[in-house]
PDB file of N, CA and C in Angstrom:
ATOM      1  N   MET A   1      66.317 -14.841 102.278  1.00  0.00           N
ATOM      2  CA  MET A   1      65.092 -14.338 102.850  1.00  0.00           C
ATOM      3  C   MET A   1      63.949 -15.253 102.434  1.00  0.00           C
ATOM      4  N   THR A   2      62.910 -15.296 103.217  1.00  0.00           N
ATOM      5  CA  THR A   2      61.774 -16.166 102.936  1.00  0.00           C
ATOM      6  C   THR A   2      60.860 -15.542 101.900  1.00  0.00           C
ATOM      7  N   ASP A   3      59.819 -16.268 101.523  1.00  0.00           N
ATOM      8  CA  ASP A   3      58.842 -15.784 100.559  1.00  0.00           C
ATOM      9  C   ASP A   3      58.251 -14.467 101.041  1.00  0.00           C
ATOM     10  N   ARG A   4      58.322 -13.435 100.222  1.00  0.00           N
ATOM     11  CA  ARG A   4      57.853 -12.106 100.616  1.00  0.00           C
ATOM     12  C   ARG A   4      56.418 -11.849 100.193  1.00  0.00           C
ATOM     13  N   ASN A   5      55.757 -12.787  99.537  1.00  0.00           N
ATOM     14  CA  ASN A   5      54.365 -12.615  99.147  1.00  0.00           C
ATOM     15  C   ASN A   5      53.481 -13.148 100.264  1.00  0.00           C
ATOM     16  N   ILE A   6      53.241 -12.288 101.258  1.00  0.00           N
ATOM     17  CA  ILE A   6      52.467 -12.690 102.428  1.00  0.00           C
ATOM     18  C   ILE A   6      51.236 -11.810 102.548  1.00  0.00           C
ATOM     19  N   THR A   7      50.286 -12.248 103.337  1.00  0.00           N
ATOM     20  CA  THR A   7      49.048 -11.489 103.493  1.00  0.00           C
ATOM     21  C   THR A   7      49.272 -10.269 104.348  1.00  0.00           C
ATOM     22  N   LYS A   8      48.314  -9.337 104.325  1.00  0.00           N
ATOM     23  CA  LYS A   8      48.405  -8.116 105.116  1.00  0.00           C
ATOM     24  C   LYS A   8      48.497  -8.434 106.606  1.00  0.00           C
ATOM     25  N   GLU A   9      47.725  -9.425 107.061  1.00  0.00           N
ATOM     26  CA  GLU A   9      47.768  -9.784 108.480  1.00  0.00           C
ATOM     27  C   GLU A   9      49.135 -10.325 108.864  1.00  0.00           C
ATOM     28  N   GLU A  10      49.716 -11.160 108.000  1.00  0.00           N
ATOM     29  CA  GLU A  10      51.039 -11.700 108.284  1.00  0.00           C
ATOM     30  C   GLU A  10      52.083 -10.596 108.223  1.00  0.00           C
ATOM     31  N   ASN A  11      51.871  -9.613 107.356  1.00  0.00           N
ATOM     32  CA  ASN A  11      52.816  -8.530 107.167  1.00  0.00           C
ATOM     33  C   ASN A  11      53.019  -7.729 108.442  1.00  0.00           C
ATOM     34  N   ALA A  12      51.976  -7.562 109.226  1.00  0.00           N
ATOM     35  CA  ALA A  12      52.075  -6.759 110.441  1.00  0.00           C
ATOM     36  C   ALA A  12      52.427  -7.603 111.671  1.00  0.00           C
ATOM     37  N   GLU A  13      52.528  -8.899 111.501  1.00  0.00           N
ATOM     38  CA  GLU A  13      52.813  -9.779 112.630  1.00  0.00           C
ATOM     39  C   GLU A  13      54.212  -9.510 113.150  1.00  0.00           C
ATOM     40  N   THR A  14      54.355  -9.504 114.463  1.00  0.00           N
ATOM     41  CA  THR A  14      55.645  -9.242 115.075  1.00  0.00           C
ATOM     42  C   THR A  14      56.037 -10.395 115.977  1.00  0.00           C
ATOM     43  N   THR A  15      57.347 -10.527 116.201  1.00  0.00           N
ATOM     44  CA  THR A  15      57.867 -11.547 117.098  1.00  0.00           C
ATOM     45  C   THR A  15      58.921 -10.918 117.992  1.00  0.00           C
ATOM     46  N   ALA A  16      59.241 -11.579 119.076  1.00  0.00           N
ATOM     47  CA  ALA A  16      60.217 -11.059 120.032  1.00  0.00           C
ATOM     48  C   ALA A  16      61.631 -11.137 119.485  1.00  0.00           C
ATOM     49  N   CYS A  17      62.483 -10.230 119.967  1.00  0.00           N
ATOM     50  CA  CYS A  17      63.874 -10.162 119.526  1.00  0.00           C
ATOM     51  C   CYS A  17      64.739  -9.754 120.711  1.00  0.00           C
ATOM     52  N   ALA A  18      65.958 -10.240 120.754  1.00  0.00           N
ATOM     53  CA  ALA A  18      66.872  -9.886 121.832  1.00  0.00           C
ATOM     54  C   ALA A  18      67.856  -8.796 121.411  1.00  0.00           C
ATOM     55  N   CYS A  19      67.675  -8.213 120.238  1.00  0.00           N
ATOM     56  CA  CYS A  19      68.558  -7.172 119.720  1.00  0.00           C
ATOM     57  C   CYS A  19      68.533  -5.950 120.633  1.00  0.00           C
ATOM     58  N   PRO A  20      69.701  -5.448 121.071  1.00  0.00           N
ATOM     59  CA  PRO A  20      69.715  -4.300 121.979  1.00  0.00           C
ATOM     60  C   PRO A  20      69.372  -2.975 121.293  1.00  0.00           C
ATOM     61  N   HIS A  21      69.294  -2.959 119.957  1.00  0.00           N
ATOM     62  CA  HIS A  21      69.068  -1.716 119.225  1.00  0.00           C
ATOM     63  C   HIS A  21      67.642  -1.560 118.717  1.00  0.00           C
ATOM     64  N   CYS A  22      66.764  -2.492 119.045  1.00  0.00           N
ATOM     65  CA  CYS A  22      65.412  -2.400 118.498  1.00  0.00           C
ATOM     66  C   CYS A  22      64.363  -2.614 119.581  1.00  0.00           C
ATOM     67  N   SER A  23      63.115  -2.484 119.185  1.00  0.00           N
ATOM     68  CA  SER A  23      61.995  -2.581 120.122  1.00  0.00           C
ATOM     69  C   SER A  23      61.700  -4.017 120.529  1.00  0.00           C
ATOM     70  N   GLY A  24      62.333  -4.976 119.865  1.00  0.00           N
ATOM     71  CA  GLY A  24      62.044  -6.377 120.130  1.00  0.00           C
ATOM     72  C   GLY A  24      60.994  -6.934 119.190  1.00  0.00           C
ATOM     73  N   LYS A  25      60.502  -6.100 118.279  1.00  0.00           N
ATOM     74  CA  LYS A  25      59.502  -6.543 117.314  1.00  0.00           C
ATOM     75  C   LYS A  25      60.143  -6.690 115.937  1.00  0.00           C
ATOM     76  N   HIS A  26      59.539  -7.510 115.113  1.00  0.00           N
ATOM     77  CA  HIS A  26      59.992  -7.693 113.731  1.00  0.00           C
ATOM     78  C   HIS A  26      58.795  -7.598 112.808  1.00  0.00           C
ATOM     79  N   LYS A  27      59.054  -7.225 111.558  1.00  0.00           N
ATOM     80  CA  LYS A  27      57.995  -7.142 110.568  1.00  0.00           C
ATOM     81  C   LYS A  27      58.527  -7.661 109.238  1.00  0.00           C
ATOM     82  N   GLU A  28      57.822  -8.600 108.659  1.00  0.00           N
ATOM     83  CA  GLU A  28      58.177  -9.046 107.312  1.00  0.00           C
ATOM     84  C   GLU A  28      57.521  -8.117 106.318  1.00  0.00           C
ATOM     85  N   ARG A  29      58.317  -7.595 105.409  1.00  0.00           N
ATOM     86  CA  ARG A  29      57.816  -6.651 104.406  1.00  0.00           C
ATOM     87  C   ARG A  29      57.537  -7.362 103.101  1.00  0.00           C
ATOM     88  N   ASN A  30      56.590  -6.793 102.325  1.00  0.00           N
ATOM     89  CA  ASN A  30      56.352  -7.384 101.014  1.00  0.00           C
ATOM     90  C   ASN A  30      57.548  -7.080 100.114  1.00  0.00           C
ATOM     91  N   GLU A  31      57.643  -7.784  99.014  1.00  0.00           N
ATOM     92  CA  GLU A  31      58.808  -7.693  98.126  1.00  0.00           C
ATOM     93  C   GLU A  31      59.047  -6.272  97.614  1.00  0.00           C
ATOM     94  N   LYS A  32      57.978  -5.585  97.226  1.00  0.00           N
ATOM     95  CA  LYS A  32      58.133  -4.235  96.676  1.00  0.00           C
ATOM     96  C   LYS A  32      58.697  -3.272  97.715  1.00  0.00           C
ATOM     97  N   GLU A  33      58.130  -3.279  98.912  1.00  0.00           N
ATOM     98  CA  GLU A  33      58.622  -2.390  99.963  1.00  0.00           C
ATOM     99  C   GLU A  33      60.074  -2.713 100.300  1.00  0.00           C
ATOM    100  N   TYR A  34      60.369  -4.002 100.437  1.00  0.00           N
ATOM    101  CA  TYR A  34      61.726  -4.436 100.769  1.00  0.00           C
ATOM    102  C   TYR A  34      62.726  -3.948  99.719  1.00  0.00           C
ATOM    103  N   LYS A  35      62.413  -4.167  98.449  1.00  0.00           N
ATOM    104  CA  LYS A  35      63.333  -3.763  97.371  1.00  0.00           C
ATOM    105  C   LYS A  35      63.510  -2.253  97.340  1.00  0.00           C
ATOM    106  N   ASP A  36      62.420  -1.500  97.510  1.00  0.00           N
ATOM    107  CA  ASP A  36      62.504  -0.048  97.497  1.00  0.00           C
ATOM    108  C   ASP A  36      63.399   0.457  98.619  1.00  0.00           C
ATOM    109  N   LEU A  37      63.174  -0.038  99.829  1.00  0.00           N
ATOM    110  CA  LEU A  37      63.977   0.407 100.968  1.00  0.00           C
ATOM    111  C   LEU A  37      65.439  -0.004 100.816  1.00  0.00           C
ATOM    112  N   MET A  38      65.672  -1.216 100.355  1.00  0.00           N
ATOM    113  CA  MET A  38      67.058  -1.668 100.165  1.00  0.00           C
ATOM    114  C   MET A  38      67.763  -0.849  99.088  1.00  0.00           C
ATOM    115  N   ASN A  39      67.068  -0.541  98.001  1.00  0.00           N
ATOM    116  CA  ASN A  39      67.672   0.287  96.948  1.00  0.00           C
ATOM    117  C   ASN A  39      68.046   1.656  97.480  1.00  0.00           C
ATOM    118  N   ARG A  40      67.165   2.236  98.287  1.00  0.00           N
ATOM    119  CA  ARG A  40      67.470   3.534  98.890  1.00  0.00           C
ATOM    120  C   ARG A  40      68.711   3.446  99.775  1.00  0.00           C
ATOM    121  N   LEU A  41      68.773   2.403 100.600  1.00  0.00           N
ATOM    122  CA  LEU A  41      69.928   2.254 101.487  1.00  0.00           C
ATOM    123  C   LEU A  41      71.221   2.022 100.715  1.00  0.00           C
ATOM    124  N   LYS A  42      71.153   1.259  99.641  1.00  0.00           N
ATOM    125  CA  LYS A  42      72.354   1.013  98.832  1.00  0.00           C
ATOM    126  C   LYS A  42      72.859   2.314  98.210  1.00  0.00           C
ATOM    127  N   ARG A  43      71.926   3.171  97.756  1.00  0.00           N
ATOM    128  CA  ARG A  43      72.347   4.472  97.207  1.00  0.00           C
ATOM    129  C   ARG A  43      72.993   5.327  98.293  1.00  0.00           C
ATOM    130  N   ILE A  44      72.398   5.321  99.481  1.00  0.00           N
ATOM    131  CA  ILE A  44      72.962   6.098 100.590  1.00  0.00           C
ATOM    132  C   ILE A  44      74.342   5.566 100.958  1.00  0.00           C
ATOM    133  N   GLU A  45      74.469   4.246 100.988  1.00  0.00           N
ATOM    134  CA  GLU A  45      75.769   3.636 101.279  1.00  0.00           C
ATOM    135  C   GLU A  45      76.818   4.088 100.261  1.00  0.00           C
ATOM    136  N   GLY A  46      76.421   4.141  98.996  1.00  0.00           N
ATOM    137  CA  GLY A  46      77.332   4.600  97.954  1.00  0.00           C
ATOM    138  C   GLY A  46      77.713   6.065  98.151  1.00  0.00           C
ATOM    139  N   GLN A  47      76.747   6.879  98.561  1.00  0.00           N
ATOM    140  CA  GLN A  47      77.040   8.291  98.830  1.00  0.00           C
ATOM    141  C   GLN A  47      78.036   8.428  99.976  1.00  0.00           C
ATOM    142  N   VAL A  48      77.855   7.631 101.021  1.00  0.00           N
ATOM    143  CA  VAL A  48      78.778   7.695 102.169  1.00  0.00           C
ATOM    144  C   VAL A  48      80.184   7.275 101.734  1.00  0.00           C
ATOM    145  N   ARG A  49      80.275   6.217 100.925  1.00  0.00           N
ATOM    146  CA  ARG A  49      81.590   5.811 100.417  1.00  0.00           C
ATOM    147  C   ARG A  49      82.205   6.909  99.553  1.00  0.00           C
ATOM    148  N   GLY A  50      81.360   7.618  98.806  1.00  0.00           N
ATOM    149  CA  GLY A  50      81.859   8.730  97.997  1.00  0.00           C
ATOM    150  C   GLY A  50      82.446   9.840  98.855  1.00  0.00           C
ATOM    151  N   VAL A  51      81.799  10.140  99.966  1.00  0.00           N
ATOM    152  CA  VAL A  51      82.315  11.170 100.883  1.00  0.00           C
ATOM    153  C   VAL A  51      83.628  10.696 101.497  1.00  0.00           C
ATOM    154  N   GLU A  52      83.696   9.423 101.833  1.00  0.00           N
ATOM    155  CA  GLU A  52      84.950   8.874 102.370  1.00  0.00           C
ATOM    156  C   GLU A  52      86.076   9.069 101.360  1.00  0.00           C
ATOM    157  N   GLY A  53      85.784   8.788 100.093  1.00  0.00           N
ATOM    158  CA  GLY A  53      86.781   8.983  99.036  1.00  0.00           C
ATOM    159  C   GLY A  53      87.169  10.444  98.887  1.00  0.00           C
ATOM    160  N   MET A  54      86.191  11.332  99.000  1.00  0.00           N
ATOM    161  CA  MET A  54      86.486  12.763  98.914  1.00  0.00           C
ATOM    162  C   MET A  54      87.434  13.179 100.033  1.00  0.00           C
ATOM    163  N   LEU A  55      87.172  12.671 101.231  1.00  0.00           N
ATOM    164  CA  LEU A  55      88.021  13.004 102.370  1.00  0.00           C
ATOM    165  C   LEU A  55      89.438  12.481 102.153  1.00  0.00           C
ATOM    166  N   GLU A  56      89.537  11.246 101.660  1.00  0.00           N
ATOM    167  CA  GLU A  56      90.850  10.653 101.390  1.00  0.00           C
ATOM    168  C   GLU A  56      91.621  11.443 100.339  1.00  0.00           C
ATOM    169  N   LYS A  57      90.906  12.081  99.411  1.00  0.00           N
ATOM    170  CA  LYS A  57      91.542  12.843  98.327  1.00  0.00           C
ATOM    171  C   LYS A  57      91.651  14.327  98.665  1.00  0.00           C
ATOM    172  N   ASP A  58      91.453  14.655  99.945  1.00  0.00           N
ATOM    173  CA  ASP A  58      91.574  16.034 100.418  1.00  0.00           C
ATOM    174  C   ASP A  58      90.658  17.000  99.668  1.00  0.00           C
ATOM    175  N   ALA A  59      89.437  16.577  99.427  1.00  0.00           N
ATOM    176  CA  ALA A  59      88.462  17.444  98.756  1.00  0.00           C
ATOM    177  C   ALA A  59      88.192  18.680  99.609  1.00  0.00           C
ATOM    178  N   TYR A  60      87.748  19.717  98.951  1.00  0.00           N
ATOM    179  CA  TYR A  60      87.462  20.978  99.618  1.00  0.00           C
ATOM    180  C   TYR A  60      86.283  20.803 100.575  1.00  0.00           C
ATOM    181  N   CYS A  61      86.355  21.484 101.713  1.00  0.00           N
ATOM    182  CA  CYS A  61      85.364  21.328 102.791  1.00  0.00           C
ATOM    183  C   CYS A  61      83.930  21.511 102.310  1.00  0.00           C
ATOM    184  N   THR A  62      83.667  22.566 101.570  1.00  0.00           N
ATOM    185  CA  THR A  62      82.286  22.821 101.162  1.00  0.00           C
ATOM    186  C   THR A  62      81.769  21.754 100.215  1.00  0.00           C
ATOM    187  N   ASP A  63      82.641  21.192  99.404  1.00  0.00           N
ATOM    188  CA  ASP A  63      82.218  20.105  98.514  1.00  0.00           C
ATOM    189  C   ASP A  63      81.769  18.888  99.331  1.00  0.00           C
ATOM    190  N   ILE A  64      82.497  18.574 100.382  1.00  0.00           N
ATOM    191  CA  ILE A  64      82.136  17.454 101.263  1.00  0.00           C
ATOM    192  C   ILE A  64      80.835  17.773 101.994  1.00  0.00           C
ATOM    193  N   LEU A  65      80.719  18.998 102.511  1.00  0.00           N
ATOM    194  CA  LEU A  65      79.513  19.387 103.233  1.00  0.00           C
ATOM    195  C   LEU A  65      78.262  19.258 102.366  1.00  0.00           C
ATOM    196  N   VAL A  66      78.361  19.626 101.103  1.00  0.00           N
ATOM    197  CA  VAL A  66      77.215  19.515 100.201  1.00  0.00           C
ATOM    198  C   VAL A  66      76.824  18.049 100.027  1.00  0.00           C
ATOM    199  N   GLN A  67      77.808  17.175  99.905  1.00  0.00           N
ATOM    200  CA  GLN A  67      77.517  15.751  99.750  1.00  0.00           C
ATOM    201  C   GLN A  67      76.927  15.161 101.028  1.00  0.00           C
ATOM    202  N   VAL A  68      77.415  15.583 102.175  1.00  0.00           N
ATOM    203  CA  VAL A  68      76.871  15.104 103.449  1.00  0.00           C
ATOM    204  C   VAL A  68      75.423  15.582 103.609  1.00  0.00           C
ATOM    205  N   SER A  69      75.148  16.794 103.170  1.00  0.00           N
ATOM    206  CA  SER A  69      73.779  17.298 103.208  1.00  0.00           C
ATOM    207  C   SER A  69      72.866  16.451 102.320  1.00  0.00           C
ATOM    208  N   ALA A  70      73.367  16.048 101.168  1.00  0.00           N
ATOM    209  CA  ALA A  70      72.589  15.188 100.270  1.00  0.00           C
ATOM    210  C   ALA A  70      72.309  13.835 100.928  1.00  0.00           C
ATOM    211  N   ILE A  71      73.268  13.318 101.684  1.00  0.00           N
ATOM    212  CA  ILE A  71      73.068  12.058 102.411  1.00  0.00           C
ATOM    213  C   ILE A  71      71.973  12.237 103.457  1.00  0.00           C
ATOM    214  N   GLY A  72      71.996  13.364 104.158  1.00  0.00           N
ATOM    215  CA  GLY A  72      70.954  13.650 105.150  1.00  0.00           C
ATOM    216  C   GLY A  72      69.576  13.693 104.504  1.00  0.00           C
ATOM    217  N   SER A  73      69.481  14.317 103.347  1.00  0.00           N
ATOM    218  CA  SER A  73      68.203  14.372 102.630  1.00  0.00           C
ATOM    219  C   SER A  73      67.753  12.980 102.204  1.00  0.00           C
ATOM    220  N   ALA A  74      68.690  12.165 101.747  1.00  0.00           N
ATOM    221  CA  ALA A  74      68.356  10.804 101.335  1.00  0.00           C
ATOM    222  C   ALA A  74      67.869   9.980 102.528  1.00  0.00           C
ATOM    223  N   LEU A  75      68.496  10.153 103.680  1.00  0.00           N
ATOM    224  CA  LEU A  75      68.056   9.452 104.885  1.00  0.00           C
ATOM    225  C   LEU A  75      66.665   9.917 105.302  1.00  0.00           C
ATOM    226  N   ASN A  76      66.392  11.216 105.178  1.00  0.00           N
ATOM    227  CA  ASN A  76      65.056  11.724 105.487  1.00  0.00           C
ATOM    228  C   ASN A  76      64.014  11.121 104.556  1.00  0.00           C
ATOM    229  N   SER A  77      64.349  10.986 103.283  1.00  0.00           N
ATOM    230  CA  SER A  77      63.422  10.371 102.335  1.00  0.00           C
ATOM    231  C   SER A  77      63.186   8.904 102.673  1.00  0.00           C
ATOM    232  N   PHE A  78      64.232   8.211 103.089  1.00  0.00           N
ATOM    233  CA  PHE A  78      64.098   6.823 103.526  1.00  0.00           C
ATOM    234  C   PHE A  78      63.136   6.742 104.706  1.00  0.00           C
ATOM    235  N   ASN A  79      63.330   7.625 105.690  1.00  0.00           N
ATOM    236  CA  ASN A  79      62.453   7.640 106.868  1.00  0.00           C
ATOM    237  C   ASN A  79      61.009   7.916 106.489  1.00  0.00           C
ATOM    238  N   LYS A  80      60.792   8.851 105.577  1.00  0.00           N
ATOM    239  CA  LYS A  80      59.422   9.178 105.157  1.00  0.00           C
ATOM    240  C   LYS A  80      58.749   7.973 104.517  1.00  0.00           C
ATOM    241  N   ALA A  81      59.476   7.267 103.653  1.00  0.00           N
ATOM    242  CA  ALA A  81      58.907   6.087 102.991  1.00  0.00           C
ATOM    243  C   ALA A  81      58.599   4.992 104.014  1.00  0.00           C
ATOM    244  N   LEU A  82      59.519   4.756 104.940  1.00  0.00           N
ATOM    245  CA  LEU A  82      59.338   3.727 105.956  1.00  0.00           C
ATOM    246  C   LEU A  82      58.192   4.096 106.897  1.00  0.00           C
ATOM    247  N   LEU A  83      58.118   5.356 107.300  1.00  0.00           N
ATOM    248  CA  LEU A  83      57.055   5.808 108.192  1.00  0.00           C
ATOM    249  C   LEU A  83      55.690   5.698 107.518  1.00  0.00           C
ATOM    250  N   ALA A  84      55.603   6.081 106.260  1.00  0.00           N
ATOM    251  CA  ALA A  84      54.321   5.983 105.544  1.00  0.00           C
ATOM    252  C   ALA A  84      53.858   4.536 105.485  1.00  0.00           C
ATOM    253  N   ASN A  85      54.770   3.630 105.180  1.00  0.00           N
ATOM    254  CA  ASN A  85      54.382   2.226 105.116  1.00  0.00           C
ATOM    255  C   ASN A  85      54.009   1.703 106.493  1.00  0.00           C
ATOM    256  N   HIS A  86      54.727   2.127 107.518  1.00  0.00           N
ATOM    257  CA  HIS A  86      54.426   1.704 108.890  1.00  0.00           C
ATOM    258  C   HIS A  86      53.009   2.128 109.268  1.00  0.00           C
ATOM    259  N   MET A  87      52.653   3.359 108.915  1.00  0.00           N
ATOM    260  CA  MET A  87      51.325   3.860 109.257  1.00  0.00           C
ATOM    261  C   MET A  87      50.237   3.122 108.485  1.00  0.00           C
ATOM    262  N   LYS A  88      50.517   2.799 107.221  1.00  0.00           N
ATOM    263  CA  LYS A  88      49.520   2.112 106.387  1.00  0.00           C
ATOM    264  C   LYS A  88      49.350   0.642 106.764  1.00  0.00           C
ATOM    265  N   THR A  89      50.369   0.056 107.389  1.00  0.00           N
ATOM    266  CA  THR A  89      50.294  -1.376 107.713  1.00  0.00           C
ATOM    267  C   THR A  89      50.184  -1.580 109.225  1.00  0.00           C
ATOM    268  N   CYS A  90      51.277  -1.454 109.923  1.00  0.00           N
ATOM    269  CA  CYS A  90      51.322  -1.772 111.353  1.00  0.00           C
ATOM    270  C   CYS A  90      50.333  -0.950 112.175  1.00  0.00           C
ATOM    271  N   VAL A  91      50.352   0.363 111.975  1.00  0.00           N
ATOM    272  CA  VAL A  91      49.477   1.225 112.771  1.00  0.00           C
ATOM    273  C   VAL A  91      48.015   0.991 112.402  1.00  0.00           C
ATOM    274  N   ALA A  92      47.716   0.993 111.107  1.00  0.00           N
ATOM    275  CA  ALA A  92      46.323   0.793 110.670  1.00  0.00           C
ATOM    276  C   ALA A  92      45.804  -0.573 111.107  1.00  0.00           C
ATOM    277  N   ASP A  93      46.621  -1.610 110.972  1.00  0.00           N
ATOM    278  CA  ASP A  93      46.194  -2.951 111.386  1.00  0.00           C
ATOM    279  C   ASP A  93      45.961  -3.009 112.892  1.00  0.00           C
ATOM    280  N   GLY A  94      46.839  -2.352 113.660  1.00  0.00           N
ATOM    281  CA  GLY A  94      46.671  -2.322 115.115  1.00  0.00           C
ATOM    282  C   GLY A  94      45.382  -1.622 115.521  1.00  0.00           C
ATOM    283  N   ILE A  95      45.096  -0.518 114.873  1.00  0.00           N
ATOM    284  CA  ILE A  95      43.853   0.211 115.173  1.00  0.00           C
ATOM    285  C   ILE A  95      42.642  -0.649 114.823  1.00  0.00           C
ATOM    286  N   ARG A  96      42.688  -1.317 113.676  1.00  0.00           N
ATOM    287  CA  ARG A  96      41.573  -2.197 113.282  1.00  0.00           C
ATOM    288  C   ARG A  96      41.349  -3.311 114.300  1.00  0.00           C
ATOM    289  N   ARG A  97      42.441  -3.770 114.934  1.00  0.00           N
ATOM    290  CA  ARG A  97      42.334  -4.822 115.953  1.00  0.00           C
ATOM    291  C   ARG A  97      41.923  -4.252 117.311  1.00  0.00           C
ATOM    292  N   GLY A  98      41.824  -2.930 117.414  1.00  0.00           N
ATOM    293  CA  GLY A  98      41.463  -2.309 118.680  1.00  0.00           C
ATOM    294  C   GLY A  98      42.653  -2.063 119.587  1.00  0.00           C
ATOM    295  N   ASP A  99      43.863  -2.152 119.055  1.00  0.00           N
ATOM    296  CA  ASP A  99      45.083  -1.956 119.835  1.00  0.00           C
ATOM    297  C   ASP A  99      45.498  -0.488 119.770  1.00  0.00           C
ATOM    298  N   ASP A 100      44.982   0.324 120.681  1.00  0.00           N
ATOM    299  CA  ASP A 100      45.297   1.749 120.679  1.00  0.00           C
ATOM    300  C   ASP A 100      46.738   2.038 121.095  1.00  0.00           C
ATOM    301  N   ALA A 101      47.429   1.053 121.626  1.00  0.00           N
ATOM    302  CA  ALA A 101      48.830   1.243 122.007  1.00  0.00           C
ATOM    303  C   ALA A 101      49.695   1.581 120.797  1.00  0.00           C
ATOM    304  N   VAL A 102      49.262   1.165 119.593  1.00  0.00           N
ATOM    305  CA  VAL A 102      50.050   1.475 118.398  1.00  0.00           C
ATOM    306  C   VAL A 102      50.090   2.980 118.156  1.00  0.00           C
ATOM    307  N   ILE A 103      49.064   3.698 118.583  1.00  0.00           N
ATOM    308  CA  ILE A 103      49.050   5.157 118.428  1.00  0.00           C
ATOM    309  C   ILE A 103      50.095   5.778 119.357  1.00  0.00           C
ATOM    310  N   ASP A 104      50.159   5.303 120.597  1.00  0.00           N
ATOM    311  CA  ASP A 104      51.173   5.799 121.535  1.00  0.00           C
ATOM    312  C   ASP A 104      52.577   5.491 121.019  1.00  0.00           C
ATOM    313  N   GLU A 105      52.752   4.295 120.464  1.00  0.00           N
ATOM    314  CA  GLU A 105      54.052   3.921 119.901  1.00  0.00           C
ATOM    315  C   GLU A 105      54.420   4.846 118.742  1.00  0.00           C
ATOM    316  N   LEU A 106      53.453   5.148 117.870  1.00  0.00           N
ATOM    317  CA  LEU A 106      53.699   6.049 116.748  1.00  0.00           C
ATOM    318  C   LEU A 106      54.072   7.441 117.244  1.00  0.00           C
ATOM    319  N   LEU A 107      53.346   7.944 118.232  1.00  0.00           N
ATOM    320  CA  LEU A 107      53.651   9.268 118.773  1.00  0.00           C
ATOM    321  C   LEU A 107      55.043   9.312 119.391  1.00  0.00           C
ATOM    322  N   ALA A 108      55.425   8.269 120.102  1.00  0.00           N
ATOM    323  CA  ALA A 108      56.770   8.211 120.694  1.00  0.00           C
ATOM    324  C   ALA A 108      57.833   8.177 119.597  1.00  0.00           C
ATOM    325  N   THR A 109      57.559   7.446 118.542  1.00  0.00           N
ATOM    326  CA  THR A 109      58.498   7.376 117.412  1.00  0.00           C
ATOM    327  C   THR A 109      58.650   8.734 116.752  1.00  0.00           C
ATOM    328  N   LEU A 110      57.522   9.420 116.532  1.00  0.00           N
ATOM    329  CA  LEU A 110      57.574  10.757 115.928  1.00  0.00           C
ATOM    330  C   LEU A 110      58.355  11.727 116.798  1.00  0.00           C
ATOM    331  N   GLN A 111      58.209  11.624 118.120  1.00  0.00           N
ATOM    332  CA  GLN A 111      58.974  12.480 119.025  1.00  0.00           C
ATOM    333  C   GLN A 111      60.474  12.247 118.844  1.00  0.00           C
ATOM    334  N   LYS A 112      60.877  10.997 118.710  1.00  0.00           N
ATOM    335  CA  LYS A 112      62.288  10.669 118.517  1.00  0.00           C
ATOM    336  C   LYS A 112      62.786  11.179 117.172  1.00  0.00           C
ATOM    337  N   LEU A 113      61.952  11.089 116.134  1.00  0.00           N
ATOM    338  CA  LEU A 113      62.370  11.531 114.804  1.00  0.00           C
ATOM    339  C   LEU A 113      62.466  13.045 114.700  1.00  0.00           C
ATOM    340  N   MET A 114      61.717  13.751 115.534  1.00  0.00           N
ATOM    341  CA  MET A 114      61.656  15.206 115.434  1.00  0.00           C
ATOM    342  C   MET A 114      62.627  15.925 116.376  1.00  0.00           C
ATOM    343  N   LYS A 115      63.569  15.209 116.937  1.00  0.00           N
ATOM    344  CA  LYS A 115      64.568  15.834 117.841  1.00  0.00           C
ATOM    345  C   LYS A 115      65.428  16.817 117.080  1.00  0.00           C
TER     346      LYS A 115
END
């Protein structure tokens, strides 16, 4: 990865992408945000592997369900952290630039998250 110590303006800068699973935009995150989000994902990945192991060992259904619920909570916490940072950087920077489209994008994202 490139140098993560970038300015706030560079942090919100986006570029085009051909990825079929994303909006076509990219954002470089500062080192602290990147490490925090990656640590959260690594813990979630470990939890998922733990559930896989439980299933392989014929663990009791309710024990697996409790662990899956914990994974759901961890994913929700990940989303909250990512959304808060998005609002503090991308959305706030867009509003400062006079780009009201970022508000519509945020509202559409919230609609998808609240399904």
